[in-house]
């Protein structure tokens, strides 16, 4: 939701993310096909999954990191390339998780490593959001990071972001797009600050 405010106005960001989907269920529900039916040569397809792929108790969503997860991700890569678009893989942003000594802990198991390996094998640009977000949460610390997630008097959500969290992660993505040369300096706006009021969420989809 925050990324468009960090990119040049000439670049259109089309957000096709749907809450609760995995790389598998997104395909099985026809959502990837919907993207591929409208994608155009020269477009970028940013692909980020893992949170819901990890749900081993749910066969409609679960994928295994080194087999089915990579197989489904290849569908996105191959589908984009077949239409002249450029796929870009992004490792999953980290949850807010700390040990008793205040160390930020990874929560995605083998999924980030599996995506990194696939990106190297397929020669796809990789945005390592997992590593960068983990480092950011470590820098901020256990208490300060509560300001970036949906922590309220009635809810302690260590997965979903509030507007400050969305903005912080969008900054990581924009920097990675530059570092990997997926985008050039003219494609990214100077970050003069994004008002939280600009960040709004779509209605949840069942």
N, C-alpha and C. Protein backbone atom coordinates (compact mmCIF):
# COMPACT_ATOMS: atom_id res chain seq x y z
N UNK A 1 0.82 -1.21 0.00
CA UNK A 1 0.00 0.00 0.00
C UNK A 1 0.86 1.26 0.00
N UNK A 2 2.07 1.16 0.52
CA UNK A 2 2.93 2.34 0.61
C UNK A 2 3.90 2.47 -0.55
N UNK A 3 4.17 1.39 -1.25
CA UNK A 3 5.20 1.42 -2.30
C UNK A 3 4.95 2.46 -3.38
N UNK A 4 3.71 2.67 -3.85
CA UNK A 4 3.52 3.67 -4.93
C UNK A 4 4.03 5.06 -4.56
N UNK A 5 4.01 5.40 -3.27
CA UNK A 5 4.44 6.73 -2.85
C UNK A 5 5.95 6.89 -2.89
N UNK A 6 6.68 5.78 -3.09
CA UNK A 6 8.14 5.82 -3.16
C UNK A 6 8.66 5.69 -4.58
N UNK A 7 7.74 5.51 -5.54
CA UNK A 7 8.14 5.35 -6.93
C UNK A 7 7.68 6.56 -7.75
N UNK A 8 8.34 6.75 -8.87
CA UNK A 8 8.01 7.88 -9.73
C UNK A 8 6.56 7.80 -10.20
N UNK A 9 5.94 8.95 -10.34
CA UNK A 9 4.52 8.99 -10.71
C UNK A 9 4.23 8.35 -12.05
N UNK A 10 5.24 8.21 -12.90
CA UNK A 10 5.03 7.59 -14.20
C UNK A 10 4.89 6.07 -14.10
N UNK A 11 5.24 5.50 -12.94
CA UNK A 11 5.15 4.06 -12.75
C UNK A 11 3.83 3.71 -12.06
N UNK A 12 3.09 2.82 -12.67
CA UNK A 12 1.82 2.39 -12.10
C UNK A 12 2.02 1.10 -11.31
N UNK A 13 1.58 1.10 -10.07
CA UNK A 13 1.65 -0.09 -9.22
C UNK A 13 0.25 -0.69 -9.14
N UNK A 14 0.13 -1.93 -9.56
CA UNK A 14 -1.14 -2.65 -9.50
C UNK A 14 -1.01 -3.73 -8.43
N UNK A 15 -1.72 -3.57 -7.33
CA UNK A 15 -1.59 -4.47 -6.18
C UNK A 15 -2.62 -5.60 -6.31
N UNK A 16 -2.14 -6.80 -6.61
CA UNK A 16 -3.01 -7.96 -6.77
C UNK A 16 -2.98 -8.88 -5.55
N UNK A 17 -2.33 -8.46 -4.48
CA UNK A 17 -2.25 -9.30 -3.28
C UNK A 17 -3.64 -9.55 -2.70
N UNK A 18 -3.85 -10.76 -2.20
CA UNK A 18 -5.10 -11.12 -1.54
C UNK A 18 -4.74 -11.78 -0.21
N UNK A 19 -5.34 -11.29 0.86
CA UNK A 19 -4.97 -11.80 2.18
C UNK A 19 -5.25 -13.29 2.31
N UNK A 20 -4.37 -13.96 3.05
CA UNK A 20 -4.59 -15.36 3.37
C UNK A 20 -4.18 -16.35 2.29
N UNK A 21 -3.67 -15.89 1.17
CA UNK A 21 -3.32 -16.81 0.09
C UNK A 21 -1.86 -17.23 0.17
N UNK A 22 -1.62 -18.44 -0.29
CA UNK A 22 -0.26 -18.95 -0.43
C UNK A 22 0.10 -18.97 -1.91
N UNK A 23 1.34 -19.33 -2.21
CA UNK A 23 1.71 -19.43 -3.62
C UNK A 23 0.84 -20.46 -4.33
N UNK A 24 0.41 -21.47 -3.61
CA UNK A 24 -0.44 -22.53 -4.17
C UNK A 24 -1.89 -22.08 -4.33
N UNK A 25 -2.49 -21.58 -3.26
CA UNK A 25 -3.92 -21.23 -3.33
C UNK A 25 -4.15 -20.05 -4.28
N UNK A 26 -3.18 -19.16 -4.40
CA UNK A 26 -3.29 -18.04 -5.34
C UNK A 26 -3.42 -18.57 -6.77
N UNK A 27 -2.65 -19.61 -7.07
CA UNK A 27 -2.74 -20.23 -8.40
C UNK A 27 -4.04 -21.02 -8.53
N UNK A 28 -4.34 -21.83 -7.52
CA UNK A 28 -5.50 -22.71 -7.60
C UNK A 28 -6.82 -21.94 -7.73
N UNK A 29 -6.85 -20.73 -7.20
CA UNK A 29 -8.06 -19.91 -7.28
C UNK A 29 -8.13 -19.07 -8.56
N UNK A 30 -7.14 -19.24 -9.43
CA UNK A 30 -7.16 -18.52 -10.70
C UNK A 30 -6.64 -17.10 -10.63
N UNK A 31 -6.07 -16.72 -9.49
CA UNK A 31 -5.63 -15.33 -9.32
C UNK A 31 -4.37 -15.03 -10.15
N UNK A 32 -3.47 -16.00 -10.24
CA UNK A 32 -2.29 -15.78 -11.08
C UNK A 32 -2.71 -15.64 -12.54
N UNK A 33 -3.64 -16.48 -12.99
CA UNK A 33 -4.08 -16.40 -14.38
C UNK A 33 -4.68 -15.04 -14.68
N UNK A 34 -5.38 -14.46 -13.69
CA UNK A 34 -5.92 -13.13 -13.87
C UNK A 34 -4.84 -12.09 -14.11
N UNK A 35 -3.73 -12.22 -13.38
CA UNK A 35 -2.61 -11.31 -13.59
C UNK A 35 -1.99 -11.52 -14.96
N UNK A 36 -1.75 -12.77 -15.30
CA UNK A 36 -1.07 -13.08 -16.57
C UNK A 36 -1.92 -12.70 -17.78
N UNK A 37 -3.23 -12.64 -17.60
CA UNK A 37 -4.09 -12.26 -18.72
C UNK A 37 -3.99 -10.77 -19.04
N UNK A 38 -3.49 -9.99 -18.09
CA UNK A 38 -3.42 -8.54 -18.31
C UNK A 38 -2.00 -7.99 -18.31
N UNK A 39 -1.02 -8.80 -17.90
CA UNK A 39 0.35 -8.31 -17.84
C UNK A 39 0.87 -8.04 -19.25
N UNK A 40 1.78 -7.09 -19.37
CA UNK A 40 2.27 -6.66 -20.67
C UNK A 40 3.80 -6.76 -20.74
N UNK A 41 4.35 -6.88 -21.94
CA UNK A 41 5.81 -6.89 -22.08
C UNK A 41 6.42 -5.66 -21.41
N UNK A 42 7.49 -5.89 -20.67
CA UNK A 42 8.17 -4.80 -19.97
C UNK A 42 7.67 -4.58 -18.57
N UNK A 43 6.51 -5.16 -18.20
CA UNK A 43 6.02 -5.03 -16.83
C UNK A 43 6.91 -5.81 -15.87
N UNK A 44 6.87 -5.43 -14.60
CA UNK A 44 7.51 -6.20 -13.53
C UNK A 44 6.43 -6.97 -12.76
N UNK A 45 6.72 -8.20 -12.39
CA UNK A 45 5.84 -8.97 -11.53
C UNK A 45 6.59 -9.29 -10.25
N UNK A 46 6.25 -8.58 -9.16
CA UNK A 46 6.86 -8.82 -7.87
C UNK A 46 6.09 -9.92 -7.16
N UNK A 47 6.81 -10.96 -6.73
CA UNK A 47 6.21 -12.15 -6.15
C UNK A 47 6.75 -12.36 -4.74
N UNK A 48 5.86 -12.39 -3.76
CA UNK A 48 6.28 -12.60 -2.37
C UNK A 48 5.25 -13.50 -1.68
N UNK A 49 5.69 -14.69 -1.29
CA UNK A 49 4.86 -15.64 -0.56
C UNK A 49 5.71 -16.35 0.49
N UNK A 50 5.07 -16.83 1.52
CA UNK A 50 5.65 -17.76 2.50
C UNK A 50 4.74 -17.88 3.72
N UNK A 51 4.23 -16.75 4.23
CA UNK A 51 3.45 -16.80 5.47
C UNK A 51 2.38 -17.89 5.45
N UNK A 52 1.62 -17.95 4.38
CA UNK A 52 0.52 -18.91 4.32
C UNK A 52 0.94 -20.24 3.72
N UNK A 53 2.06 -20.27 2.99
CA UNK A 53 2.62 -21.54 2.54
C UNK A 53 3.05 -22.40 3.73
N UNK A 54 3.34 -21.77 4.85
CA UNK A 54 3.83 -22.46 6.03
C UNK A 54 2.74 -23.22 6.79
N UNK A 55 1.48 -23.05 6.45
CA UNK A 55 0.37 -23.61 7.22
C UNK A 55 0.19 -25.09 6.90
N UNK A 56 0.97 -25.92 7.54
CA UNK A 56 1.01 -27.35 7.23
C UNK A 56 -0.31 -28.06 7.53
N UNK A 57 -1.14 -27.49 8.38
CA UNK A 57 -2.42 -28.12 8.70
C UNK A 57 -3.49 -27.85 7.64
N UNK A 58 -3.18 -27.01 6.67
CA UNK A 58 -4.15 -26.63 5.65
C UNK A 58 -3.66 -27.06 4.27
N UNK A 59 -4.15 -28.18 3.77
CA UNK A 59 -3.66 -28.68 2.47
C UNK A 59 -3.99 -27.78 1.29
N UNK A 60 -4.95 -26.88 1.43
CA UNK A 60 -5.26 -25.96 0.33
C UNK A 60 -4.21 -24.88 0.18
N UNK A 61 -3.40 -24.68 1.22
CA UNK A 61 -2.40 -23.61 1.17
C UNK A 61 -0.96 -24.10 1.33
N UNK A 62 -0.77 -25.18 2.05
CA UNK A 62 0.59 -25.60 2.41
C UNK A 62 1.42 -26.00 1.20
N UNK A 63 2.67 -25.55 1.20
CA UNK A 63 3.69 -26.04 0.26
C UNK A 63 4.94 -26.38 1.05
N UNK A 64 5.72 -27.30 0.52
CA UNK A 64 6.98 -27.69 1.15
C UNK A 64 8.09 -26.86 0.52
N UNK A 65 8.98 -26.25 1.34
CA UNK A 65 9.92 -25.26 0.81
C UNK A 65 10.72 -25.70 -0.41
N UNK A 66 11.28 -26.91 -0.35
CA UNK A 66 12.23 -27.31 -1.40
C UNK A 66 11.60 -28.11 -2.52
N UNK A 67 10.27 -28.20 -2.51
CA UNK A 67 9.62 -28.91 -3.62
C UNK A 67 8.44 -28.08 -4.14
N UNK A 68 7.28 -28.23 -3.52
CA UNK A 68 6.09 -27.59 -4.06
C UNK A 68 6.15 -26.06 -4.01
N UNK A 69 6.77 -25.50 -2.99
CA UNK A 69 6.91 -24.04 -2.93
C UNK A 69 7.67 -23.52 -4.15
N UNK A 70 8.81 -24.15 -4.44
CA UNK A 70 9.58 -23.73 -5.61
C UNK A 70 8.82 -24.02 -6.91
N UNK A 71 8.10 -25.13 -6.94
CA UNK A 71 7.33 -25.46 -8.15
C UNK A 71 6.27 -24.40 -8.45
N UNK A 72 5.57 -23.96 -7.41
CA UNK A 72 4.55 -22.94 -7.64
C UNK A 72 5.20 -21.60 -7.99
N UNK A 73 6.29 -21.25 -7.34
CA UNK A 73 6.96 -19.99 -7.68
C UNK A 73 7.41 -19.99 -9.13
N UNK A 74 7.82 -21.14 -9.64
CA UNK A 74 8.23 -21.22 -11.05
C UNK A 74 7.07 -20.87 -11.99
N UNK A 75 5.85 -21.15 -11.56
CA UNK A 75 4.70 -20.80 -12.40
C UNK A 75 4.61 -19.29 -12.59
N UNK A 76 4.92 -18.54 -11.55
CA UNK A 76 4.90 -17.08 -11.64
C UNK A 76 6.05 -16.60 -12.53
N UNK A 77 7.23 -17.17 -12.32
CA UNK A 77 8.41 -16.79 -13.09
C UNK A 77 8.20 -17.11 -14.57
N UNK A 78 7.79 -18.34 -14.86
CA UNK A 78 7.62 -18.75 -16.25
C UNK A 78 6.47 -18.00 -16.91
N UNK A 79 5.37 -17.79 -16.16
CA UNK A 79 4.23 -17.08 -16.72
C UNK A 79 4.56 -15.65 -17.11
N UNK A 80 5.31 -14.97 -16.24
CA UNK A 80 5.70 -13.59 -16.56
C UNK A 80 6.62 -13.56 -17.77
N UNK A 81 7.62 -14.43 -17.77
CA UNK A 81 8.58 -14.42 -18.88
C UNK A 81 7.93 -14.76 -20.21
N UNK A 82 6.96 -15.67 -20.18
CA UNK A 82 6.29 -16.07 -21.42
C UNK A 82 5.55 -14.90 -22.05
N UNK A 83 5.23 -13.89 -21.24
CA UNK A 83 4.50 -12.73 -21.75
C UNK A 83 5.38 -11.50 -21.87
N UNK A 84 6.68 -11.70 -21.78
CA UNK A 84 7.62 -10.60 -21.96
C UNK A 84 7.78 -9.71 -20.76
N UNK A 85 7.22 -10.13 -19.61
CA UNK A 85 7.37 -9.37 -18.37
C UNK A 85 8.56 -9.89 -17.58
N UNK A 86 8.98 -9.13 -16.60
CA UNK A 86 10.15 -9.51 -15.80
C UNK A 86 9.72 -9.92 -14.40
N UNK A 87 9.94 -11.17 -14.00
CA UNK A 87 9.61 -11.57 -12.63
C UNK A 87 10.67 -11.11 -11.65
N UNK A 88 10.24 -10.76 -10.45
CA UNK A 88 11.13 -10.37 -9.37
C UNK A 88 10.64 -11.09 -8.11
N UNK A 89 11.51 -11.85 -7.46
CA UNK A 89 11.13 -12.58 -6.25
C UNK A 89 11.54 -11.78 -5.02
N UNK A 90 10.67 -11.80 -4.02
CA UNK A 90 10.94 -11.09 -2.76
C UNK A 90 10.72 -12.04 -1.60
N UNK A 91 11.75 -12.26 -0.80
CA UNK A 91 11.58 -13.11 0.38
C UNK A 91 10.58 -12.47 1.34
N UNK A 92 9.94 -13.30 2.14
CA UNK A 92 8.85 -12.84 3.00
C UNK A 92 9.36 -11.92 4.10
N UNK A 93 8.62 -10.85 4.33
CA UNK A 93 8.96 -9.93 5.41
C UNK A 93 8.81 -10.67 6.74
N UNK A 94 9.68 -10.34 7.70
CA UNK A 94 9.68 -11.06 8.96
C UNK A 94 8.56 -10.60 9.91
N UNK A 95 8.10 -11.56 10.69
CA UNK A 95 7.19 -11.27 11.79
C UNK A 95 7.96 -10.60 12.93
N UNK A 96 7.23 -10.09 13.88
CA UNK A 96 7.85 -9.54 15.09
C UNK A 96 8.00 -10.67 16.10
N UNK A 97 9.24 -11.14 16.26
CA UNK A 97 9.50 -12.25 17.18
C UNK A 97 10.86 -12.04 17.82
N UNK A 98 10.92 -12.02 19.15
CA UNK A 98 12.16 -11.80 19.88
C UNK A 98 12.33 -12.87 20.96
N UNK A 99 13.58 -13.20 21.26
CA UNK A 99 13.82 -14.11 22.37
C UNK A 99 13.95 -13.32 23.67
N UNK A 100 14.21 -14.02 24.76
CA UNK A 100 14.27 -13.38 26.08
C UNK A 100 15.40 -12.39 26.19
N UNK A 101 16.42 -12.52 25.34
CA UNK A 101 17.56 -11.60 25.37
C UNK A 101 17.40 -10.45 24.39
N UNK A 102 16.24 -10.35 23.76
CA UNK A 102 15.99 -9.23 22.86
C UNK A 102 16.51 -9.42 21.46
N UNK A 103 16.82 -10.65 21.07
CA UNK A 103 17.29 -10.91 19.71
C UNK A 103 16.10 -11.17 18.80
N UNK A 104 16.08 -10.47 17.65
CA UNK A 104 15.03 -10.71 16.66
C UNK A 104 15.24 -12.08 16.04
N UNK A 105 14.17 -12.87 15.97
CA UNK A 105 14.28 -14.25 15.52
C UNK A 105 13.61 -14.44 14.15
N UNK A 106 14.23 -15.21 13.27
CA UNK A 106 13.56 -15.54 12.00
C UNK A 106 12.39 -16.47 12.26
N UNK A 107 11.37 -16.37 11.42
CA UNK A 107 10.15 -17.16 11.65
C UNK A 107 9.71 -17.96 10.44
N UNK A 108 10.45 -17.88 9.33
CA UNK A 108 9.97 -18.49 8.09
C UNK A 108 10.68 -19.78 7.70
N UNK A 109 11.45 -20.35 8.62
CA UNK A 109 12.07 -21.63 8.34
C UNK A 109 12.90 -21.62 7.06
N UNK A 110 12.68 -22.62 6.21
CA UNK A 110 13.48 -22.81 5.01
C UNK A 110 12.96 -22.03 3.79
N UNK A 111 11.83 -21.38 3.94
CA UNK A 111 11.23 -20.72 2.78
C UNK A 111 12.12 -19.63 2.17
N UNK A 112 12.71 -18.73 2.98
CA UNK A 112 13.58 -17.73 2.35
C UNK A 112 14.77 -18.36 1.61
N UNK A 113 15.38 -19.39 2.21
CA UNK A 113 16.51 -20.04 1.55
C UNK A 113 16.07 -20.70 0.25
N UNK A 114 14.87 -21.30 0.26
CA UNK A 114 14.37 -21.94 -0.96
C UNK A 114 14.12 -20.92 -2.06
N UNK A 115 13.61 -19.74 -1.69
CA UNK A 115 13.40 -18.70 -2.69
C UNK A 115 14.73 -18.16 -3.21
N UNK A 116 15.70 -17.96 -2.32
CA UNK A 116 17.01 -17.48 -2.76
C UNK A 116 17.63 -18.46 -3.75
N UNK A 117 17.52 -19.75 -3.45
CA UNK A 117 18.10 -20.76 -4.34
C UNK A 117 17.40 -20.76 -5.70
N UNK A 118 16.09 -20.63 -5.69
CA UNK A 118 15.35 -20.59 -6.96
C UNK A 118 15.72 -19.36 -7.78
N UNK A 119 15.85 -18.21 -7.10
CA UNK A 119 16.22 -16.98 -7.80
C UNK A 119 17.58 -17.14 -8.47
N UNK A 120 18.52 -17.76 -7.76
CA UNK A 120 19.85 -17.97 -8.34
C UNK A 120 19.79 -18.93 -9.51
N UNK A 121 19.02 -20.00 -9.35
CA UNK A 121 18.91 -21.01 -10.42
C UNK A 121 18.26 -20.44 -11.67
N UNK A 122 17.21 -19.65 -11.47
CA UNK A 122 16.47 -19.11 -12.60
C UNK A 122 16.98 -17.75 -13.06
N UNK A 123 17.98 -17.23 -12.37
CA UNK A 123 18.54 -15.91 -12.68
C UNK A 123 17.46 -14.83 -12.65
N UNK A 124 16.74 -14.85 -11.54
CA UNK A 124 15.68 -13.88 -11.29
C UNK A 124 16.18 -12.89 -10.23
N UNK A 125 15.87 -11.62 -10.40
CA UNK A 125 16.23 -10.62 -9.40
C UNK A 125 15.57 -10.99 -8.07
N UNK A 126 16.33 -10.84 -6.98
CA UNK A 126 15.84 -11.18 -5.65
C UNK A 126 15.90 -9.97 -4.74
N UNK A 127 14.78 -9.66 -4.12
CA UNK A 127 14.72 -8.64 -3.08
C UNK A 127 14.71 -9.37 -1.75
N UNK A 128 15.77 -9.26 -0.98
CA UNK A 128 15.87 -10.06 0.25
C UNK A 128 15.23 -9.32 1.42
N UNK A 129 13.92 -9.20 1.36
CA UNK A 129 13.17 -8.45 2.37
C UNK A 129 13.22 -9.15 3.73
N UNK A 130 13.31 -10.47 3.73
CA UNK A 130 13.37 -11.20 5.00
C UNK A 130 14.61 -10.79 5.79
N UNK A 131 15.76 -10.82 5.16
CA UNK A 131 17.00 -10.46 5.86
C UNK A 131 16.99 -9.00 6.29
N UNK A 132 16.52 -8.12 5.43
CA UNK A 132 16.52 -6.70 5.74
C UNK A 132 15.53 -6.36 6.85
N UNK A 133 14.34 -6.97 6.82
CA UNK A 133 13.36 -6.67 7.86
C UNK A 133 13.80 -7.24 9.20
N UNK A 134 14.41 -8.43 9.19
CA UNK A 134 14.92 -8.98 10.44
C UNK A 134 15.97 -8.06 11.05
N UNK A 135 16.86 -7.53 10.21
CA UNK A 135 17.88 -6.60 10.70
C UNK A 135 17.24 -5.32 11.23
N UNK A 136 16.18 -4.85 10.57
CA UNK A 136 15.51 -3.63 11.03
C UNK A 136 14.83 -3.85 12.36
N UNK A 137 14.15 -5.00 12.52
CA UNK A 137 13.50 -5.26 13.82
C UNK A 137 14.55 -5.37 14.92
N UNK A 138 15.71 -5.96 14.61
CA UNK A 138 16.77 -6.05 15.61
C UNK A 138 17.26 -4.66 16.00
N UNK A 139 17.42 -3.80 15.01
CA UNK A 139 17.87 -2.44 15.27
C UNK A 139 16.86 -1.66 16.13
N UNK A 140 15.58 -1.83 15.85
CA UNK A 140 14.55 -1.11 16.59
C UNK A 140 14.32 -1.67 17.98
N UNK A 141 14.40 -2.99 18.12
CA UNK A 141 14.20 -3.62 19.41
C UNK A 141 12.77 -4.04 19.66
N UNK A 142 12.59 -4.85 20.69
CA UNK A 142 11.30 -5.49 20.96
C UNK A 142 10.19 -4.48 21.23
N UNK A 143 10.46 -3.44 21.97
CA UNK A 143 9.40 -2.48 22.31
C UNK A 143 9.08 -1.54 21.16
N UNK A 144 10.12 -1.02 20.52
CA UNK A 144 9.90 -0.05 19.44
C UNK A 144 9.17 -0.68 18.27
N UNK A 145 9.41 -1.95 17.99
CA UNK A 145 8.76 -2.59 16.85
C UNK A 145 7.25 -2.72 17.04
N UNK A 146 6.77 -2.65 18.26
CA UNK A 146 5.32 -2.70 18.47
C UNK A 146 4.61 -1.56 17.73
N UNK A 147 5.33 -0.47 17.51
CA UNK A 147 4.75 0.69 16.82
C UNK A 147 4.57 0.43 15.31
N UNK A 148 5.13 -0.68 14.81
CA UNK A 148 5.08 -0.98 13.39
C UNK A 148 4.06 -2.07 13.05
N UNK A 149 3.56 -2.75 14.08
CA UNK A 149 2.61 -3.83 13.90
C UNK A 149 1.28 -3.44 14.55
N UNK A 150 0.28 -4.28 14.34
CA UNK A 150 -1.06 -3.99 14.88
C UNK A 150 -1.13 -4.34 16.37
N UNK A 151 -0.35 -3.60 17.14
CA UNK A 151 -0.38 -3.74 18.59
C UNK A 151 -1.27 -2.65 19.17
N UNK A 152 -2.35 -3.06 19.79
CA UNK A 152 -3.28 -2.12 20.41
C UNK A 152 -3.63 -2.63 21.79
N UNK A 153 -4.52 -1.91 22.46
CA UNK A 153 -4.94 -2.32 23.79
C UNK A 153 -5.67 -3.66 23.76
N UNK A 154 -6.26 -3.99 22.64
CA UNK A 154 -7.06 -5.21 22.54
C UNK A 154 -6.46 -6.26 21.61
N UNK A 155 -5.39 -5.93 20.91
CA UNK A 155 -4.82 -6.86 19.92
C UNK A 155 -3.31 -6.79 19.94
N UNK A 156 -2.68 -7.95 19.96
CA UNK A 156 -1.23 -8.04 19.86
C UNK A 156 -0.89 -8.88 18.64
N UNK A 157 -0.83 -8.23 17.50
CA UNK A 157 -0.62 -8.87 16.20
C UNK A 157 0.83 -8.66 15.78
N UNK A 158 1.59 -9.74 15.72
CA UNK A 158 3.00 -9.66 15.37
C UNK A 158 3.29 -9.99 13.91
N UNK A 159 2.24 -10.00 13.08
CA UNK A 159 2.39 -10.33 11.66
C UNK A 159 1.99 -9.19 10.74
N UNK A 160 0.87 -8.55 11.04
CA UNK A 160 0.31 -7.55 10.12
C UNK A 160 0.72 -6.14 10.54
N UNK A 161 1.00 -5.32 9.54
CA UNK A 161 1.53 -3.98 9.79
C UNK A 161 0.44 -2.94 9.93
N UNK A 162 0.75 -1.90 10.71
CA UNK A 162 -0.03 -0.67 10.68
C UNK A 162 0.64 0.26 9.66
N UNK A 163 0.14 1.47 9.43
CA UNK A 163 0.77 2.34 8.42
C UNK A 163 2.27 2.57 8.61
N UNK A 164 2.79 2.86 9.82
CA UNK A 164 4.24 3.03 9.94
C UNK A 164 5.02 1.79 9.51
N UNK A 165 4.48 0.60 9.83
CA UNK A 165 5.15 -0.62 9.43
C UNK A 165 5.13 -0.81 7.93
N UNK A 166 3.99 -0.52 7.31
CA UNK A 166 3.89 -0.64 5.85
C UNK A 166 4.87 0.30 5.16
N UNK A 167 5.00 1.50 5.67
CA UNK A 167 5.93 2.47 5.08
C UNK A 167 7.37 2.00 5.24
N UNK A 168 7.71 1.49 6.42
CA UNK A 168 9.08 1.04 6.67
C UNK A 168 9.46 -0.10 5.74
N UNK A 169 8.55 -1.05 5.54
CA UNK A 169 8.85 -2.19 4.66
C UNK A 169 8.89 -1.73 3.21
N UNK A 170 8.02 -0.82 2.81
CA UNK A 170 8.07 -0.29 1.45
C UNK A 170 9.41 0.37 1.16
N UNK A 171 9.97 1.05 2.15
CA UNK A 171 11.29 1.65 1.97
C UNK A 171 12.34 0.57 1.70
N UNK A 172 12.27 -0.55 2.43
CA UNK A 172 13.21 -1.64 2.19
C UNK A 172 13.07 -2.15 0.76
N UNK A 173 11.84 -2.32 0.30
CA UNK A 173 11.60 -2.82 -1.05
C UNK A 173 12.14 -1.85 -2.09
N UNK A 174 11.87 -0.56 -1.92
CA UNK A 174 12.35 0.44 -2.87
C UNK A 174 13.88 0.44 -2.95
N UNK A 175 14.53 0.32 -1.80
CA UNK A 175 15.99 0.29 -1.80
C UNK A 175 16.52 -0.96 -2.50
N UNK A 176 15.84 -2.09 -2.29
CA UNK A 176 16.26 -3.32 -2.95
C UNK A 176 16.04 -3.25 -4.46
N UNK A 177 14.97 -2.61 -4.89
CA UNK A 177 14.74 -2.44 -6.32
C UNK A 177 15.86 -1.63 -6.96
N UNK A 178 16.39 -0.67 -6.22
CA UNK A 178 17.54 0.09 -6.71
C UNK A 178 18.81 -0.74 -6.66
N UNK A 179 19.04 -1.41 -5.52
CA UNK A 179 20.29 -2.17 -5.35
C UNK A 179 20.43 -3.25 -6.42
N UNK A 180 19.33 -3.91 -6.75
CA UNK A 180 19.36 -4.99 -7.73
C UNK A 180 19.27 -4.48 -9.16
N UNK A 181 19.13 -3.17 -9.32
CA UNK A 181 19.02 -2.52 -10.62
C UNK A 181 17.77 -2.96 -11.39
N UNK A 182 16.77 -3.42 -10.65
CA UNK A 182 15.48 -3.66 -11.27
C UNK A 182 14.89 -2.31 -11.70
N UNK A 183 15.09 -1.30 -10.87
CA UNK A 183 14.71 0.07 -11.20
C UNK A 183 15.95 0.96 -11.12
N UNK A 184 15.90 2.08 -11.82
CA UNK A 184 17.00 3.03 -11.78
C UNK A 184 16.70 4.19 -10.84
N UNK A 185 17.70 5.02 -10.58
CA UNK A 185 17.51 6.15 -9.66
C UNK A 185 16.36 7.07 -10.04
N UNK A 186 16.10 7.22 -11.33
CA UNK A 186 15.00 8.10 -11.74
C UNK A 186 13.63 7.50 -11.47
N UNK A 187 13.59 6.20 -11.20
CA UNK A 187 12.31 5.54 -10.96
C UNK A 187 11.84 5.65 -9.51
N UNK A 188 12.75 6.02 -8.62
CA UNK A 188 12.44 6.06 -7.19
C UNK A 188 12.46 7.50 -6.71
N UNK A 189 11.42 7.89 -6.01
CA UNK A 189 11.32 9.28 -5.52
C UNK A 189 12.21 9.48 -4.30
N UNK A 190 12.71 10.69 -4.11
CA UNK A 190 13.35 11.02 -2.83
C UNK A 190 12.34 10.82 -1.70
N UNK A 191 12.76 10.16 -0.64
CA UNK A 191 11.85 9.84 0.46
C UNK A 191 11.82 10.99 1.45
N UNK A 192 10.84 11.86 1.26
CA UNK A 192 10.70 13.01 2.15
C UNK A 192 9.70 12.75 3.27
N UNK A 193 9.30 11.50 3.42
CA UNK A 193 8.32 11.17 4.44
C UNK A 193 6.94 10.96 3.83
N UNK A 194 6.26 9.94 4.31
CA UNK A 194 4.93 9.61 3.82
C UNK A 194 3.94 9.76 4.97
N UNK A 195 2.96 10.63 4.86
CA UNK A 195 1.97 10.75 5.93
C UNK A 195 1.22 9.43 6.14
N UNK A 196 1.02 9.05 7.38
CA UNK A 196 0.32 7.80 7.66
C UNK A 196 -1.09 7.81 7.10
N UNK A 197 -1.69 8.99 6.98
CA UNK A 197 -3.06 9.09 6.48
C UNK A 197 -3.17 8.65 5.02
N UNK A 198 -2.03 8.58 4.31
CA UNK A 198 -2.06 8.15 2.91
C UNK A 198 -2.24 6.64 2.79
N UNK A 199 -1.99 5.90 3.85
CA UNK A 199 -2.02 4.44 3.80
C UNK A 199 -3.39 3.94 4.23
N UNK A 200 -4.11 3.34 3.29
CA UNK A 200 -5.41 2.77 3.59
C UNK A 200 -5.45 1.33 3.13
N UNK A 201 -6.24 0.51 3.81
CA UNK A 201 -6.29 -0.91 3.49
C UNK A 201 -7.56 -1.22 2.70
N UNK A 202 -7.47 -2.14 1.75
CA UNK A 202 -8.68 -2.59 1.06
C UNK A 202 -9.54 -3.45 1.99
N UNK A 203 -10.79 -3.62 1.64
CA UNK A 203 -11.64 -4.51 2.43
C UNK A 203 -11.15 -5.96 2.30
N UNK A 204 -11.14 -6.72 3.42
CA UNK A 204 -10.69 -8.11 3.33
C UNK A 204 -11.52 -8.91 2.34
N UNK A 205 -10.85 -9.86 1.67
CA UNK A 205 -11.52 -10.76 0.74
C UNK A 205 -11.58 -12.13 1.38
N UNK A 206 -12.74 -12.74 1.36
CA UNK A 206 -12.90 -14.06 2.02
C UNK A 206 -12.11 -15.12 1.30
